[in-house]
Amino acid sequence: MRAKIRETISGWQSRNEIAVFHLLCVLIPILLTDVFVFSFLYRTEEASFQQALESEAMSVRDTLLDQVDSVSRLAAAIYTSRYINDFIQKDFHSGLEYYTAYRGFFEYTLIDLVEGTSGTVFRLYLDNPSVINGAKLQRIERAYGTDWYAYIQESKLPKGLFFGQAKAADGSIQRRMYYFQ
């Protein structure tokens, strides 16, 4: 077999024939191997990157679902509480009467406990003119001109969820969810 190869190679007279042999038997196989290896590495890296993105997306989805669920549970608890409904509709005659009822409101409803365990900060906007604007309870006039209130008015939906952003006092941007019903 070796003799046959030597005979064939010695029979080549020109450098062109050797170059063609070198191209066909050495360079093209090396090139094909390199293409195969690099394409395999590229696909592996792309699949790894895709998996990392999917993992992050699933994490964001789970966090968002948890926050939405927390907000909706808090809203349902507020909406279905007779004590809260009575407090919201009560006509307060003085600031002291309001403050006393306000303290009792948070004492009897345990909303602060729900807020603390879920990490959800809430604010109720009321159309009761006897309510004194505060941290958690505010008159609806405070919401006029905000993007979420405009959305609620335009959509005419009985309830829904709105996502927005607001600038905090320290200049940072805060993401907010507005649940309305």
Protein backbone atom coordinates (compact mmCIF):
# COMPACT_ATOMS: atom_id res chain seq x y z
CA MET A 1 0.00 0.00 0.00
CA ARG A 2 2.84 2.39 0.89
CA ALA A 3 4.56 1.58 -2.33
CA LYS A 4 1.45 2.44 -4.27
CA ILE A 5 1.18 5.85 -2.54
CA ARG A 6 4.90 6.56 -3.18
CA GLU A 7 4.50 5.59 -6.77
CA THR A 8 1.51 7.91 -7.17
CA ILE A 9 3.26 10.83 -5.44
CA SER A 10 6.49 10.35 -7.38
CA GLY A 11 4.47 10.32 -10.57
CA TRP A 12 3.27 13.84 -9.92
CA GLN A 13 5.35 16.17 -11.90
CA SER A 14 4.20 19.57 -10.92
CA ARG A 15 3.74 21.51 -7.72
CA ASN A 16 0.13 22.14 -8.69
CA GLU A 17 -0.72 18.48 -8.32
CA ILE A 18 0.88 18.40 -4.86
CA ALA A 19 -0.98 21.55 -3.88
CA VAL A 20 -4.31 20.04 -4.95
CA PHE A 21 -3.52 16.86 -3.02
CA HIS A 22 -2.58 18.93 0.05
CA LEU A 23 -5.78 20.96 -0.27
CA LEU A 24 -8.03 17.92 -0.62
CA CYS A 25 -6.40 15.69 1.97
CA VAL A 26 -5.21 18.18 4.63
CA LEU A 27 -6.74 21.66 4.51
CA ILE A 28 -10.36 20.81 3.71
CA PRO A 29 -10.64 18.15 6.48
CA ILE A 30 -9.07 20.57 8.99
CA LEU A 31 -11.43 23.33 7.88
CA LEU A 32 -14.47 21.03 8.16
CA THR A 33 -13.39 19.89 11.62
CA ASP A 34 -12.89 23.49 12.76
CA VAL A 35 -16.30 24.51 11.42
CA PHE A 36 -17.94 21.59 13.21
CA VAL A 37 -16.17 22.31 16.52
CA PHE A 38 -16.82 26.06 16.41
CA SER A 39 -20.47 25.60 15.46
CA PHE A 40 -20.86 23.13 18.32
CA LEU A 41 -19.28 25.60 20.77
CA TYR A 42 -21.45 28.44 19.44
CA ARG A 43 -24.66 26.40 19.81
CA THR A 44 -23.67 25.33 23.32
CA GLU A 45 -22.94 28.92 24.37
CA GLU A 46 -26.18 30.13 22.77
CA ALA A 47 -28.19 27.42 24.56
CA SER A 48 -26.54 28.34 27.86
CA PHE A 49 -27.35 32.03 27.32
CA GLN A 50 -30.94 31.18 26.36
CA GLN A 51 -31.33 29.04 29.48
CA ALA A 52 -30.00 31.88 31.68
CA LEU A 53 -32.47 34.33 30.10
CA GLU A 54 -35.35 31.90 30.57
CA SER A 55 -34.37 31.39 34.20
CA GLU A 56 -34.34 35.16 34.81
CA ALA A 57 -37.68 35.57 33.04
CA MET A 58 -39.24 32.82 35.17
CA SER A 59 -37.90 34.50 38.30
CA VAL A 60 -39.35 37.86 37.28
CA ARG A 61 -42.66 36.20 36.40
CA ASP A 62 -42.85 34.42 39.76
CA THR A 63 -41.99 37.61 41.65
CA LEU A 64 -44.57 39.59 39.71
CA LEU A 65 -47.26 36.94 40.26
CA ASP A 66 -46.45 36.88 43.97
CA GLN A 67 -46.72 40.67 44.21
CA VAL A 68 -49.97 40.77 42.24
CA ASP A 69 -51.39 37.99 44.39
CA SER A 70 -50.35 39.83 47.55
CA VAL A 71 -51.94 43.07 46.37
CA SER A 72 -55.15 41.35 45.29
CA ARG A 73 -55.44 39.49 48.62
CA LEU A 74 -54.95 42.75 50.52
CA ALA A 75 -57.50 44.49 48.31
CA ALA A 76 -60.00 41.65 48.75
CA ALA A 77 -59.53 41.79 52.52
CA ILE A 78 -60.12 45.54 52.49
CA TYR A 79 -63.05 45.31 50.10
CA THR A 80 -64.87 42.59 52.02
CA SER A 81 -64.30 43.94 55.54
CA ARG A 82 -67.44 45.45 57.01
CA TYR A 83 -65.38 47.37 59.58
CA ILE A 84 -63.27 48.97 56.86
CA ASN A 85 -66.34 49.79 54.79
CA ASP A 86 -67.99 51.46 57.79
CA PHE A 87 -64.81 53.44 58.51
CA ILE A 88 -64.47 54.60 54.90
CA GLN A 89 -68.07 55.82 54.70
CA LYS A 90 -68.24 57.43 58.14
CA ASP A 91 -68.61 61.21 58.30
CA PHE A 92 -66.06 62.50 60.81
CA HIS A 93 -66.93 65.76 62.61
CA SER A 94 -63.50 66.55 64.03
CA GLY A 95 -59.85 65.68 63.55
CA LEU A 96 -59.78 63.97 66.94
CA GLU A 97 -62.73 61.75 66.02
CA TYR A 98 -61.01 60.85 62.76
CA TYR A 99 -57.68 60.15 64.46
CA THR A 100 -59.29 57.90 67.07
CA ALA A 101 -61.16 55.97 64.38
CA TYR A 102 -57.98 55.83 62.25
CA ARG A 103 -55.98 54.26 65.10
CA GLY A 104 -58.79 51.77 65.72
CA PHE A 105 -58.97 51.03 62.01
CA PHE A 106 -55.37 49.76 61.96
CA GLU A 107 -55.70 48.10 65.35
CA TYR A 108 -58.78 46.01 64.49
CA THR A 109 -58.11 45.20 60.85
CA LEU A 110 -54.48 43.99 61.17
CA ILE A 111 -53.71 45.54 57.79
CA ASP A 112 -50.31 46.65 59.06
CA LEU A 113 -49.52 43.01 59.83
CA VAL A 114 -50.47 41.95 56.30
CA GLU A 115 -48.47 44.85 54.90
CA GLY A 116 -45.41 43.87 56.94
CA THR A 117 -45.44 40.19 56.02
CA SER A 118 -46.03 40.72 52.31
CA GLY A 119 -43.77 43.74 51.88
CA THR A 120 -46.63 45.56 50.18
CA VAL A 121 -47.14 49.21 50.97
CA PHE A 122 -50.66 50.39 50.34
CA ARG A 123 -52.55 53.63 50.16
CA LEU A 124 -56.32 53.97 50.07
CA TYR A 125 -57.80 56.88 48.15
CA LEU A 126 -61.25 57.74 49.44
CA ASP A 127 -64.01 60.00 48.22
CA ASN A 128 -64.88 60.92 51.81
CA PRO A 129 -64.28 64.66 52.38
CA SER A 130 -64.06 64.22 56.17
CA VAL A 131 -60.92 62.06 55.87
CA ILE A 132 -57.66 63.80 56.73
CA ASN A 133 -54.89 63.11 54.24
CA GLY A 134 -52.23 60.90 55.74
CA ALA A 135 -49.77 58.20 54.85
CA LYS A 136 -52.19 55.35 54.18
CA LEU A 137 -55.55 57.07 53.75
CA GLN A 138 -55.94 59.99 51.39
CA ARG A 139 -58.72 61.85 49.71
CA ILE A 140 -59.26 61.03 46.06
CA GLU A 141 -58.42 64.61 45.07
CA ARG A 142 -54.76 63.72 45.64
CA ALA A 143 -54.98 61.27 42.75
CA TYR A 144 -56.34 63.76 40.23
CA GLY A 145 -53.86 64.35 37.44
CA THR A 146 -51.93 61.11 37.95
CA ASP A 147 -51.53 58.65 35.11
CA TRP A 148 -53.13 55.75 36.98
CA TYR A 149 -56.21 57.76 37.93
CA ALA A 150 -56.61 58.96 34.34
CA TYR A 151 -56.38 55.33 33.19
CA ILE A 152 -59.07 54.25 35.66
CA GLN A 153 -61.37 57.05 34.53
CA GLU A 154 -60.82 56.36 30.83
CA SER A 155 -61.11 52.56 31.05
CA LYS A 156 -64.42 52.60 32.97
CA LEU A 157 -63.52 49.14 34.30
CA PRO A 158 -65.09 48.03 37.60
CA LYS A 159 -61.70 46.74 38.79
CA GLY A 160 -58.21 46.22 37.48
CA LEU A 161 -54.47 46.46 37.95
CA PHE A 162 -52.30 49.30 36.71
CA PHE A 163 -48.50 49.41 36.73
CA GLY A 164 -46.74 52.74 37.06
CA GLN A 165 -43.64 54.53 38.25
CA ALA A 166 -43.20 57.43 40.59
CA LYS A 167 -40.28 59.49 41.76
CA ALA A 168 -39.54 59.20 45.47
CA ALA A 169 -38.45 62.07 47.70
CA ASP A 170 -34.82 60.96 47.44
CA GLY A 171 -34.99 61.06 43.62
CA SER A 172 -35.12 57.31 43.04
CA ILE A 173 -37.72 55.75 40.75
CA GLN A 174 -40.22 53.47 42.46
CA ARG A 175 -42.29 50.88 40.64
CA ARG A 176 -45.90 50.78 41.75
CA MET A 177 -48.95 48.62 41.24
CA TYR A 178 -52.38 50.19 41.54
CA TYR A 179 -55.23 47.81 42.23
CA PHE A 180 -58.63 49.42 41.93
CA GLN A 181 -62.21 48.31 42.42
